[in-house]
Amino acid sequence: MACDIAREREGERVVLRVSGELDRVGAWSLRELVQKEKTAGLTLDFSLVRSFSDIAVAVLARALTEIQRPFVLRGLRQHQLRMFRYCGVDVSEAPAARAEPVAQARQA
């Protein structure tokens, strides 16, 4: 099963909620949405992703290092957080409001 990406608004913030299996193809689709999104606040919610390939992290990392606004990564496991760091995305873990991990990206 491929991934599904839903775009939702939470106040001034846009949430791209990803579910299913995030592979290379799904990551390219999500990357395009991230690059097209123009709102000031952006959250990528991966809490419903069952399978997350490492190549998907690499594809998304490129887009995240290129955008010029803050973003939040929600619902990632330690492995994905580590992979994003290896790919140059500066994330720091923040306490989660719920059970899933949350990472807030810092802009350089």
PDB file of N, CA and C in Angstrom:
ATOM      1  N   MET A   1       0.843  -1.188   0.000  1.00  0.00           N
ATOM      2  CA  MET A   1       0.000   0.000   0.000  1.00  0.00           C
ATOM      3  C   MET A   1       0.882   1.244   0.000  1.00  0.00           C
ATOM      4  N   ALA A   2       0.580   2.179  -0.818  1.00  0.00           N
ATOM      5  CA  ALA A   2       1.321   3.443  -0.901  1.00  0.00           C
ATOM      6  C   ALA A   2       0.891   4.358   0.241  1.00  0.00           C
ATOM      7  N   CYS A   3       1.560   5.485   0.344  1.00  0.00           N
ATOM      8  CA  CYS A   3       1.199   6.430   1.398  1.00  0.00           C
ATOM      9  C   CYS A   3       0.063   7.337   0.935  1.00  0.00           C
ATOM     10  N   ASP A   4      -0.601   7.904   1.906  1.00  0.00           N
ATOM     11  CA  ASP A   4      -1.657   8.877   1.667  1.00  0.00           C
ATOM     12  C   ASP A   4      -1.237  10.155   2.377  1.00  0.00           C
ATOM     13  N   ILE A   5      -1.417  11.298   1.719  1.00  0.00           N
ATOM     14  CA  ILE A   5      -1.026  12.583   2.296  1.00  0.00           C
ATOM     15  C   ILE A   5      -2.252  13.477   2.344  1.00  0.00           C
ATOM     16  N   ALA A   6      -2.622  13.896   3.555  1.00  0.00           N
ATOM     17  CA  ALA A   6      -3.768  14.780   3.739  1.00  0.00           C
ATOM     18  C   ALA A   6      -3.263  16.149   4.183  1.00  0.00           C
ATOM     19  N   ARG A   7      -3.809  17.207   3.576  1.00  0.00           N
ATOM     20  CA  ARG A   7      -3.448  18.579   3.945  1.00  0.00           C
ATOM     21  C   ARG A   7      -4.553  19.128   4.833  1.00  0.00           C
ATOM     22  N   GLU A   8      -4.166  19.585   6.023  1.00  0.00           N
ATOM     23  CA  GLU A   8      -5.127  20.118   6.984  1.00  0.00           C
ATOM     24  C   GLU A   8      -4.616  21.448   7.518  1.00  0.00           C
ATOM     25  N   ARG A   9      -5.544  22.273   8.004  1.00  0.00           N
ATOM     26  CA  ARG A   9      -5.164  23.554   8.623  1.00  0.00           C
ATOM     27  C   ARG A   9      -5.366  23.447  10.119  1.00  0.00           C
ATOM     28  N   GLU A  10      -4.390  23.960  10.855  1.00  0.00           N
ATOM     29  CA  GLU A  10      -4.486  24.106  12.314  1.00  0.00           C
ATOM     30  C   GLU A  10      -4.152  25.554  12.608  1.00  0.00           C
ATOM     31  N   GLY A  11      -5.156  26.412  12.574  1.00  0.00           N
ATOM     32  CA  GLY A  11      -4.927  27.849  12.739  1.00  0.00           C
ATOM     33  C   GLY A  11      -4.146  28.379  11.559  1.00  0.00           C
ATOM     34  N   GLU A  12      -3.010  29.007  11.824  1.00  0.00           N
ATOM     35  CA  GLU A  12      -2.158  29.561  10.774  1.00  0.00           C
ATOM     36  C   GLU A  12      -1.210  28.519  10.184  1.00  0.00           C
ATOM     37  N   ARG A  13      -1.203  27.339  10.757  1.00  0.00           N
ATOM     38  CA  ARG A  13      -0.271  26.283  10.379  1.00  0.00           C
ATOM     39  C   ARG A  13      -0.949  25.279   9.452  1.00  0.00           C
ATOM     40  N   VAL A  14      -0.186  24.784   8.471  1.00  0.00           N
ATOM     41  CA  VAL A  14      -0.652  23.699   7.606  1.00  0.00           C
ATOM     42  C   VAL A  14       0.004  22.413   8.082  1.00  0.00           C
ATOM     43  N   VAL A  15      -0.806  21.370   8.198  1.00  0.00           N
ATOM     44  CA  VAL A  15      -0.306  20.055   8.584  1.00  0.00           C
ATOM     45  C   VAL A  15      -0.436  19.130   7.384  1.00  0.00           C
ATOM     46  N   LEU A  16       0.670  18.522   6.992  1.00  0.00           N
ATOM     47  CA  LEU A  16       0.663  17.476   5.980  1.00  0.00           C
ATOM     48  C   LEU A  16       0.746  16.163   6.748  1.00  0.00           C
ATOM     49  N   ARG A  17      -0.389  15.455   6.819  1.00  0.00           N
ATOM     50  CA  ARG A  17      -0.502  14.227   7.602  1.00  0.00           C
ATOM     51  C   ARG A  17      -0.306  13.033   6.672  1.00  0.00           C
ATOM     52  N   VAL A  18       0.737  12.260   6.943  1.00  0.00           N
ATOM     53  CA  VAL A  18       1.119  11.139   6.092  1.00  0.00           C
ATOM     54  C   VAL A  18       0.717   9.842   6.779  1.00  0.00           C
ATOM     55  N   SER A  19       0.150   8.920   6.001  1.00  0.00           N
ATOM     56  CA  SER A  19      -0.210   7.611   6.552  1.00  0.00           C
ATOM     57  C   SER A  19       0.158   6.520   5.550  1.00  0.00           C
ATOM     58  N   GLY A  20       0.249   5.296   6.051  1.00  0.00           N
ATOM     59  CA  GLY A  20       0.562   4.159   5.186  1.00  0.00           C
ATOM     60  C   GLY A  20       2.044   3.861   5.159  1.00  0.00           C
ATOM     61  N   GLU A  21       2.544   3.527   3.981  1.00  0.00           N
ATOM     62  CA  GLU A  21       3.945   3.164   3.803  1.00  0.00           C
ATOM     63  C   GLU A  21       4.634   4.253   2.986  1.00  0.00           C
ATOM     64  N   LEU A  22       5.580   4.925   3.616  1.00  0.00           N
ATOM     65  CA  LEU A  22       6.280   6.024   2.942  1.00  0.00           C
ATOM     66  C   LEU A  22       7.543   5.489   2.291  1.00  0.00           C
ATOM     67  N   ASP A  23       7.492   5.353   0.981  1.00  0.00           N
ATOM     68  CA  ASP A  23       8.641   4.886   0.207  1.00  0.00           C
ATOM     69  C   ASP A  23       9.166   6.043  -0.638  1.00  0.00           C
ATOM     70  N   ARG A  24      10.061   5.736  -1.573  1.00  0.00           N
ATOM     71  CA  ARG A  24      10.670   6.757  -2.425  1.00  0.00           C
ATOM     72  C   ARG A  24       9.623   7.542  -3.203  1.00  0.00           C
ATOM     73  N   VAL A  25       8.659   6.863  -3.793  1.00  0.00           N
ATOM     74  CA  VAL A  25       7.632   7.529  -4.607  1.00  0.00           C
ATOM     75  C   VAL A  25       6.780   8.460  -3.743  1.00  0.00           C
ATOM     76  N   GLY A  26       6.352   7.983  -2.593  1.00  0.00           N
ATOM     77  CA  GLY A  26       5.565   8.810  -1.684  1.00  0.00           C
ATOM     78  C   GLY A  26       6.356   9.999  -1.178  1.00  0.00           C
ATOM     79  N   ALA A  27       7.652   9.782  -0.940  1.00  0.00           N
ATOM     80  CA  ALA A  27       8.507  10.864  -0.468  1.00  0.00           C
ATOM     81  C   ALA A  27       8.635  11.963  -1.519  1.00  0.00           C
ATOM     82  N   TRP A  28       8.726  11.580  -2.778  1.00  0.00           N
ATOM     83  CA  TRP A  28       8.787  12.602  -3.843  1.00  0.00           C
ATOM     84  C   TRP A  28       7.495  13.400  -3.905  1.00  0.00           C
ATOM     85  N   SER A  29       6.359  12.736  -3.716  1.00  0.00           N
ATOM     86  CA  SER A  29       5.068  13.446  -3.694  1.00  0.00           C
ATOM     87  C   SER A  29       5.019  14.421  -2.522  1.00  0.00           C
ATOM     88  N   LEU A  30       5.451  13.956  -1.356  1.00  0.00           N
ATOM     89  CA  LEU A  30       5.459  14.823  -0.177  1.00  0.00           C
ATOM     90  C   LEU A  30       6.450  15.973  -0.357  1.00  0.00           C
ATOM     91  N   ARG A  31       7.585  15.687  -0.935  1.00  0.00           N
ATOM     92  CA  ARG A  31       8.590  16.728  -1.194  1.00  0.00           C
ATOM     93  C   ARG A  31       8.018  17.841  -2.061  1.00  0.00           C
ATOM     94  N   GLU A  32       7.279  17.466  -3.115  1.00  0.00           N
ATOM     95  CA  GLU A  32       6.665  18.473  -3.987  1.00  0.00           C
ATOM     96  C   GLU A  32       5.664  19.328  -3.215  1.00  0.00           C
ATOM     97  N   LEU A  33       4.866  18.704  -2.345  1.00  0.00           N
ATOM     98  CA  LEU A  33       3.905  19.466  -1.544  1.00  0.00           C
ATOM     99  C   LEU A  33       4.619  20.423  -0.589  1.00  0.00           C
ATOM    100  N   VAL A  34       5.697  19.968   0.026  1.00  0.00           N
ATOM    101  CA  VAL A  34       6.471  20.816   0.936  1.00  0.00           C
ATOM    102  C   VAL A  34       7.026  22.025   0.183  1.00  0.00           C
ATOM    103  N   GLN A  35       7.560  21.787  -1.001  1.00  0.00           N
ATOM    104  CA  GLN A  35       8.152  22.876  -1.775  1.00  0.00           C
ATOM    105  C   GLN A  35       7.102  23.867  -2.264  1.00  0.00           C
ATOM    106  N   LYS A  36       5.882  23.414  -2.518  1.00  0.00           N
ATOM    107  CA  LYS A  36       4.817  24.298  -3.003  1.00  0.00           C
ATOM    108  C   LYS A  36       4.125  25.052  -1.870  1.00  0.00           C
ATOM    109  N   GLU A  37       4.180  24.521  -0.656  1.00  0.00           N
ATOM    110  CA  GLU A  37       3.462  25.118   0.471  1.00  0.00           C
ATOM    111  C   GLU A  37       4.065  26.473   0.822  1.00  0.00           C
ATOM    112  N   LYS A  38       3.223  27.493   0.930  1.00  0.00           N
ATOM    113  CA  LYS A  38       3.695  28.860   1.173  1.00  0.00           C
ATOM    114  C   LYS A  38       3.303  29.412   2.539  1.00  0.00           C
ATOM    115  N   THR A  39       2.604  28.639   3.361  1.00  0.00           N
ATOM    116  CA  THR A  39       2.211  29.155   4.674  1.00  0.00           C
ATOM    117  C   THR A  39       3.426  29.295   5.574  1.00  0.00           C
ATOM    118  N   ALA A  40       3.308  30.183   6.556  1.00  0.00           N
ATOM    119  CA  ALA A  40       4.424  30.437   7.468  1.00  0.00           C
ATOM    120  C   ALA A  40       4.708  29.233   8.355  1.00  0.00           C
ATOM    121  N   GLY A  41       3.682  28.518   8.762  1.00  0.00           N
ATOM    122  CA  GLY A  41       3.863  27.373   9.648  1.00  0.00           C
ATOM    123  C   GLY A  41       3.575  26.068   8.929  1.00  0.00           C
ATOM    124  N   LEU A  42       4.473  25.101   9.074  1.00  0.00           N
ATOM    125  CA  LEU A  42       4.322  23.818   8.398  1.00  0.00           C
ATOM    126  C   LEU A  42       4.658  22.691   9.371  1.00  0.00           C
ATOM    127  N   THR A  43       3.757  21.716   9.464  1.00  0.00           N
ATOM    128  CA  THR A  43       3.996  20.518  10.257  1.00  0.00           C
ATOM    129  C   THR A  43       3.889  19.314   9.352  1.00  0.00           C
ATOM    130  N   LEU A  44       4.871  18.425   9.442  1.00  0.00           N
ATOM    131  CA  LEU A  44       4.819  17.146   8.752  1.00  0.00           C
ATOM    132  C   LEU A  44       4.546  16.096   9.822  1.00  0.00           C
ATOM    133  N   ASP A  45       3.381  15.464   9.750  1.00  0.00           N
ATOM    134  CA  ASP A  45       2.961  14.501  10.765  1.00  0.00           C
ATOM    135  C   ASP A  45       3.085  13.091  10.201  1.00  0.00           C
ATOM    136  N   PHE A  46       4.014  12.314  10.772  1.00  0.00           N
ATOM    137  CA  PHE A  46       4.275  10.950  10.329  1.00  0.00           C
ATOM    138  C   PHE A  46       3.744   9.920  11.308  1.00  0.00           C
ATOM    139  N   SER A  47       2.907  10.322  12.249  1.00  0.00           N
ATOM    140  CA  SER A  47       2.473   9.415  13.307  1.00  0.00           C
ATOM    141  C   SER A  47       1.647   8.233  12.799  1.00  0.00           C
ATOM    142  N   LEU A  48       1.086   8.319  11.600  1.00  0.00           N
ATOM    143  CA  LEU A  48       0.297   7.214  11.043  1.00  0.00           C
ATOM    144  C   LEU A  48       1.055   6.409   9.990  1.00  0.00           C
ATOM    145  N   VAL A  49       2.354   6.661   9.853  1.00  0.00           N
ATOM    146  CA  VAL A  49       3.167   5.923   8.881  1.00  0.00           C
ATOM    147  C   VAL A  49       3.574   4.591   9.501  1.00  0.00           C
ATOM    148  N   ARG A  50       3.238   3.501   8.810  1.00  0.00           N
ATOM    149  CA  ARG A  50       3.577   2.157   9.292  1.00  0.00           C
ATOM    150  C   ARG A  50       4.991   1.753   8.903  1.00  0.00           C
ATOM    151  N   SER A  51       5.434   2.185   7.726  1.00  0.00           N
ATOM    152  CA  SER A  51       6.749   1.812   7.209  1.00  0.00           C
ATOM    153  C   SER A  51       7.371   3.047   6.572  1.00  0.00           C
ATOM    154  N   PHE A  52       8.624   3.328   6.923  1.00  0.00           N
ATOM    155  CA  PHE A  52       9.294   4.557   6.490  1.00  0.00           C
ATOM    156  C   PHE A  52      10.666   4.158   5.963  1.00  0.00           C
ATOM    157  N   SER A  53      10.852   4.195   4.658  1.00  0.00           N
ATOM    158  CA  SER A  53      12.130   3.760   4.087  1.00  0.00           C
ATOM    159  C   SER A  53      13.204   4.832   4.280  1.00  0.00           C
ATOM    160  N   ASP A  54      14.447   4.388   4.383  1.00  0.00           N
ATOM    161  CA  ASP A  54      15.556   5.325   4.552  1.00  0.00           C
ATOM    162  C   ASP A  54      15.720   6.229   3.335  1.00  0.00           C
ATOM    163  N   ILE A  55      15.447   5.714   2.145  1.00  0.00           N
ATOM    164  CA  ILE A  55      15.556   6.551   0.938  1.00  0.00           C
ATOM    165  C   ILE A  55      14.517   7.672   0.982  1.00  0.00           C
ATOM    166  N   ALA A  56      13.369   7.419   1.610  1.00  0.00           N
ATOM    167  CA  ALA A  56      12.353   8.465   1.755  1.00  0.00           C
ATOM    168  C   ALA A  56      12.885   9.604   2.616  1.00  0.00           C
ATOM    169  N   VAL A  57      13.647   9.272   3.653  1.00  0.00           N
ATOM    170  CA  VAL A  57      14.255  10.296   4.499  1.00  0.00           C
ATOM    171  C   VAL A  57      15.195  11.161   3.667  1.00  0.00           C
ATOM    172  N   ALA A  58      16.020  10.529   2.852  1.00  0.00           N
ATOM    173  CA  ALA A  58      16.974  11.276   2.022  1.00  0.00           C
ATOM    174  C   ALA A  58      16.261  12.215   1.051  1.00  0.00           C
ATOM    175  N   VAL A  59      15.195  11.741   0.438  1.00  0.00           N
ATOM    176  CA  VAL A  59      14.428  12.565  -0.516  1.00  0.00           C
ATOM    177  C   VAL A  59      13.826  13.767   0.202  1.00  0.00           C
ATOM    178  N   LEU A  60      13.225  13.537   1.371  1.00  0.00           N
ATOM    179  CA  LEU A  60      12.597  14.626   2.118  1.00  0.00           C
ATOM    180  C   LEU A  60      13.623  15.583   2.719  1.00  0.00           C
ATOM    181  N   ALA A  61      14.748  15.052   3.136  1.00  0.00           N
ATOM    182  CA  ALA A  61      15.771  15.892   3.768  1.00  0.00           C
ATOM    183  C   ALA A  61      16.220  17.003   2.841  1.00  0.00           C
ATOM    184  N   ARG A  62      16.358  16.697   1.594  1.00  0.00           N
ATOM    185  CA  ARG A  62      16.787  17.715   0.625  1.00  0.00           C
ATOM    186  C   ARG A  62      15.806  18.896   0.591  1.00  0.00           C
ATOM    187  N   ALA A  63      14.515  18.585   0.543  1.00  0.00           N
ATOM    188  CA  ALA A  63      13.499  19.641   0.519  1.00  0.00           C
ATOM    189  C   ALA A  63      13.499  20.432   1.822  1.00  0.00           C
ATOM    190  N   LEU A  64      13.663  19.744   2.948  1.00  0.00           N
ATOM    191  CA  LEU A  64      13.619  20.419   4.243  1.00  0.00           C
ATOM    192  C   LEU A  64      14.818  21.322   4.462  1.00  0.00           C
ATOM    193  N   THR A  65      15.962  20.985   3.880  1.00  0.00           N
ATOM    194  CA  THR A  65      17.123  21.859   4.017  1.00  0.00           C
ATOM    195  C   THR A  65      17.027  23.076   3.106  1.00  0.00           C
ATOM    196  N   GLU A  66      16.151  23.025   2.106  1.00  0.00           N
ATOM    197  CA  GLU A  66      16.017  24.132   1.152  1.00  0.00           C
ATOM    198  C   GLU A  66      14.939  25.142   1.531  1.00  0.00           C
ATOM    199  N   ILE A  67      13.931  24.748   2.320  1.00  0.00           N
ATOM    200  CA  ILE A  67      12.870  25.705   2.635  1.00  0.00           C
ATOM    201  C   ILE A  67      13.378  26.717   3.647  1.00  0.00           C
ATOM    202  N   GLN A  68      12.853  27.928   3.567  1.00  0.00           N
ATOM    203  CA  GLN A  68      13.354  29.044   4.356  1.00  0.00           C
ATOM    204  C   GLN A  68      12.436  29.417   5.513  1.00  0.00           C
ATOM    205  N   ARG A  69      11.662  28.489   6.011  1.00  0.00           N
ATOM    206  CA  ARG A  69      10.776  28.793   7.131  1.00  0.00           C
ATOM    207  C   ARG A  69      10.813  27.633   8.128  1.00  0.00           C
ATOM    208  N   PRO A  70      10.444  27.907   9.374  1.00  0.00           N
ATOM    209  CA  PRO A  70      10.452  26.844  10.380  1.00  0.00           C
ATOM    210  C   PRO A  70       9.405  25.775  10.064  1.00  0.00           C
ATOM    211  N   PHE A  71       9.683  24.575  10.482  1.00  0.00           N
ATOM    212  CA  PHE A  71       8.744  23.477  10.312  1.00  0.00           C
ATOM    213  C   PHE A  71       8.876  22.540  11.492  1.00  0.00           C
ATOM    214  N   VAL A  72       7.860  21.723  11.674  1.00  0.00           N
ATOM    215  CA  VAL A  72       7.827  20.748  12.758  1.00  0.00           C
ATOM    216  C   VAL A  72       7.682  19.370  12.138  1.00  0.00           C
ATOM    217  N   LEU A  73       8.472  18.425  12.660  1.00  0.00           N
ATOM    218  CA  LEU A  73       8.345  17.023  12.273  1.00  0.00           C
ATOM    219  C   LEU A  73       7.702  16.304  13.448  1.00  0.00           C
ATOM    220  N   ARG A  74       6.584  15.630  13.197  1.00  0.00           N
ATOM    221  CA  ARG A  74       5.842  14.989  14.277  1.00  0.00           C
ATOM    222  C   ARG A  74       5.725  13.487  13.986  1.00  0.00           C
ATOM    223  N   GLY A  75       5.846  12.683  15.033  1.00  0.00           N
ATOM    224  CA  GLY A  75       5.569  11.255  14.919  1.00  0.00           C
ATOM    225  C   GLY A  75       6.709  10.416  14.371  1.00  0.00           C
ATOM    226  N   LEU A  76       7.940  10.915  14.468  1.00  0.00           N
ATOM    227  CA  LEU A  76       9.084  10.150  13.967  1.00  0.00           C
ATOM    228  C   LEU A  76       9.682   9.283  15.068  1.00  0.00           C
ATOM    229  N   ARG A  77      10.218   8.154  14.672  1.00  0.00           N
ATOM    230  CA  ARG A  77      10.953   7.298  15.605  1.00  0.00           C
ATOM    231  C   ARG A  77      12.401   7.776  15.660  1.00  0.00           C
ATOM    232  N   GLN A  78      13.126   7.270  16.645  1.00  0.00           N
ATOM    233  CA  GLN A  78      14.523   7.659  16.822  1.00  0.00           C
ATOM    234  C   GLN A  78      15.349   7.411  15.560  1.00  0.00           C
ATOM    235  N   HIS A  79      15.098   6.305  14.881  1.00  0.00           N
ATOM    236  CA  HIS A  79      15.867   5.990  13.675  1.00  0.00           C
ATOM    237  C   HIS A  79      15.677   7.060  12.601  1.00  0.00           C
ATOM    238  N   GLN A  80      14.425   7.460  12.365  1.00  0.00           N
ATOM    239  CA  GLN A  80      14.178   8.487  11.354  1.00  0.00           C
ATOM    240  C   GLN A  80      14.780   9.828  11.767  1.00  0.00           C
ATOM    241  N   LEU A  81      14.670  10.187  13.047  1.00  0.00           N
ATOM    242  CA  LEU A  81      15.294  11.433  13.515  1.00  0.00           C
ATOM    243  C   LEU A  81      16.793  11.410  13.261  1.00  0.00           C
ATOM    244  N   ARG A  82      17.429  10.293  13.575  1.00  0.00           N
ATOM    245  CA  ARG A  82      18.869  10.146  13.356  1.00  0.00           C
ATOM    246  C   ARG A  82      19.204  10.249  11.870  1.00  0.00           C
ATOM    247  N   MET A  83      18.393   9.618  11.019  1.00  0.00           N
ATOM    248  CA  MET A  83      18.628   9.665   9.573  1.00  0.00           C
ATOM    249  C   MET A  83      18.478  11.088   9.036  1.00  0.00           C
ATOM    250  N   PHE A  84      17.461  11.826   9.516  1.00  0.00           N
ATOM    251  CA  PHE A  84      17.309  13.223   9.093  1.00  0.00           C
ATOM    252  C   PHE A  84      18.550  14.029   9.490  1.00  0.00           C
ATOM    253  N   ARG A  85      19.059  13.805  10.700  1.00  0.00           N
ATOM    254  CA  ARG A  85      20.273  14.506  11.125  1.00  0.00           C
ATOM    255  C   ARG A  85      21.444  14.161  10.217  1.00  0.00           C
ATOM    256  N   TYR A  86      21.612  12.883   9.893  1.00  0.00           N
ATOM    257  CA  TYR A  86      22.698  12.459   8.998  1.00  0.00           C
ATOM    258  C   TYR A  86      22.600  13.141   7.640  1.00  0.00           C
ATOM    259  N   CYS A  87      21.365  13.428   7.215  1.00  0.00           N
ATOM    260  CA  CYS A  87      21.140  14.052   5.905  1.00  0.00           C
ATOM    261  C   CYS A  87      21.170  15.575   5.967  1.00  0.00           C
ATOM    262  N   GLY A  88      21.516  16.145   7.129  1.00  0.00           N
ATOM    263  CA  GLY A  88      21.698  17.587   7.215  1.00  0.00           C
ATOM    264  C   GLY A  88      20.519  18.383   7.722  1.00  0.00           C
ATOM    265  N   VAL A  89      19.447  17.730   8.168  1.00  0.00           N
ATOM    266  CA  VAL A  89      18.301  18.450   8.720  1.00  0.00           C
ATOM    267  C   VAL A  89      18.561  18.641  10.205  1.00  0.00           C
ATOM    268  N   ASP A  90      18.595  19.894  10.644  1.00  0.00           N
ATOM    269  CA  ASP A  90      18.873  20.210  12.036  1.00  0.00           C
ATOM    270  C   ASP A  90      17.583  20.130  12.835  1.00  0.00           C
ATOM    271  N   VAL A  91      17.371  19.008  13.506  1.00  0.00           N
ATOM    272  CA  VAL A  91      16.175  18.834  14.335  1.00  0.00           C
ATOM    273  C   VAL A  91      16.605  18.636  15.776  1.00  0.00           C
ATOM    274  N   SER A  92      15.824  19.160  16.659  1.00  0.00           N
ATOM    275  CA  SER A  92      16.035  18.911  18.086  1.00  0.00           C
ATOM    276  C   SER A  92      14.734  18.356  18.637  1.00  0.00           C
ATOM    277  N   GLU A  93      14.853  17.373  19.483  1.00  0.00           N
ATOM    278  CA  GLU A  93      13.653  16.761  20.043  1.00  0.00           C
ATOM    279  C   GLU A  93      13.046  17.689  21.074  1.00  0.00           C
ATOM    280  N   ALA A  94      11.737  17.790  21.038  1.00  0.00           N
ATOM    281  CA  ALA A  94      11.007  18.582  22.016  1.00  0.00           C
ATOM    282  C   ALA A  94      10.052  17.639  22.736  1.00  0.00           C
ATOM    283  N   PRO A  95       9.670  17.961  23.949  1.00  0.00           N
ATOM    284  CA  PRO A  95       8.717  17.101  24.640  1.00  0.00           C
ATOM    285  C   PRO A  95       7.426  17.005  23.844  1.00  0.00           C
ATOM    286  N   ALA A  96       6.906  15.808  23.737  1.00  0.00           N
ATOM    287  CA  ALA A  96       5.692  15.589  22.943  1.00  0.00           C
ATOM    288  C   ALA A  96       4.464  15.938  23.763  1.00  0.00           C
ATOM    289  N   ALA A  97       3.505  16.573  23.109  1.00  0.00           N
ATOM    290  CA  ALA A  97       2.234  16.848  23.762  1.00  0.00           C
ATOM    291  C   ALA A  97       1.449  15.543  23.913  1.00  0.00           C
ATOM    292  N   ARG A  98       1.710  14.618  22.986  1.00  0.00           N
ATOM    293  CA  ARG A  98       1.093  13.302  23.051  1.00  0.00           C
ATOM    294  C   ARG A  98       2.227  12.287  23.122  1.00  0.00           C
ATOM    295  N   ALA A  99       1.917  11.037  22.892  1.00  0.00           N
ATOM    296  CA  ALA A  99       2.905   9.968  23.038  1.00  0.00           C
ATOM    297  C   ALA A  99       3.951   9.960  21.917  1.00  0.00           C
ATOM    298  N   GLU A 100       3.615  10.475  20.745  1.00  0.00           N
ATOM    299  CA  GLU A 100       4.566  10.385  19.639  1.00  0.00           C
ATOM    300  C   GLU A 100       5.653  11.441  19.754  1.00  0.00           C
ATOM    301  N   PRO A 101       6.866  11.128  19.276  1.00  0.00           N
ATOM    302  CA  PRO A 101       7.949  12.098  19.316  1.00  0.00           C
ATOM    303  C   PRO A 101       7.659  13.294  18.409  1.00  0.00           C
ATOM    304  N   VAL A 102       8.145  14.437  18.812  1.00  0.00           N
ATOM    305  CA  VAL A 102       8.006  15.664  18.031  1.00  0.00           C
ATOM    306  C   VAL A 102       9.387  16.272  17.861  1.00  0.00           C
ATOM    307  N   ALA A 103       9.679  16.737  16.684  1.00  0.00           N
ATOM    308  CA  ALA A 103      10.951  17.420  16.472  1.00  0.00           C
ATOM    309  C   ALA A 103      10.666  18.786  15.887  1.00  0.00           C
ATOM    310  N   GLN A 104      11.304  19.778  16.421  1.00  0.00           N
ATOM    311  CA  GLN A 104      11.174  21.142  15.920  1.00  0.00           C
ATOM    312  C   GLN A 104      12.451  21.463  15.169  1.00  0.00           C
ATOM    313  N   ALA A 105      12.332  21.842  13.943  1.00  0.00           N
ATOM    314  CA  ALA A 105      13.522  22.175  13.149  1.00  0.00           C
ATOM    315  C   ALA A 105      13.989  23.560  13.543  1.00  0.00           C
ATOM    316  N   ARG A 106      15.289  23.725  13.580  1.00  0.00           N
ATOM    317  CA  ARG A 106      15.876  25.027  13.874  1.00  0.00           C
ATOM    318  C   ARG A 106      16.449  25.590  12.598  1.00  0.00           C
ATOM    319  N   GLN A 107      16.185  26.849  12.367  1.00  0.00           N
ATOM    320  CA  GLN A 107      16.723  27.525  11.198  1.00  0.00           C
ATOM    321  C   GLN A 107      18.097  28.085  11.517  1.00  0.00           C
ATOM    322  N   ALA A 108      19.029  27.935  10.598  1.00  0.00           N
ATOM    323  CA  ALA A 108      20.385  28.440  10.817  1.00  0.00           C
ATOM    324  C   ALA A 108      20.468  29.914  10.522  1.00  0.00           C
TER     325      ALA A 108
END
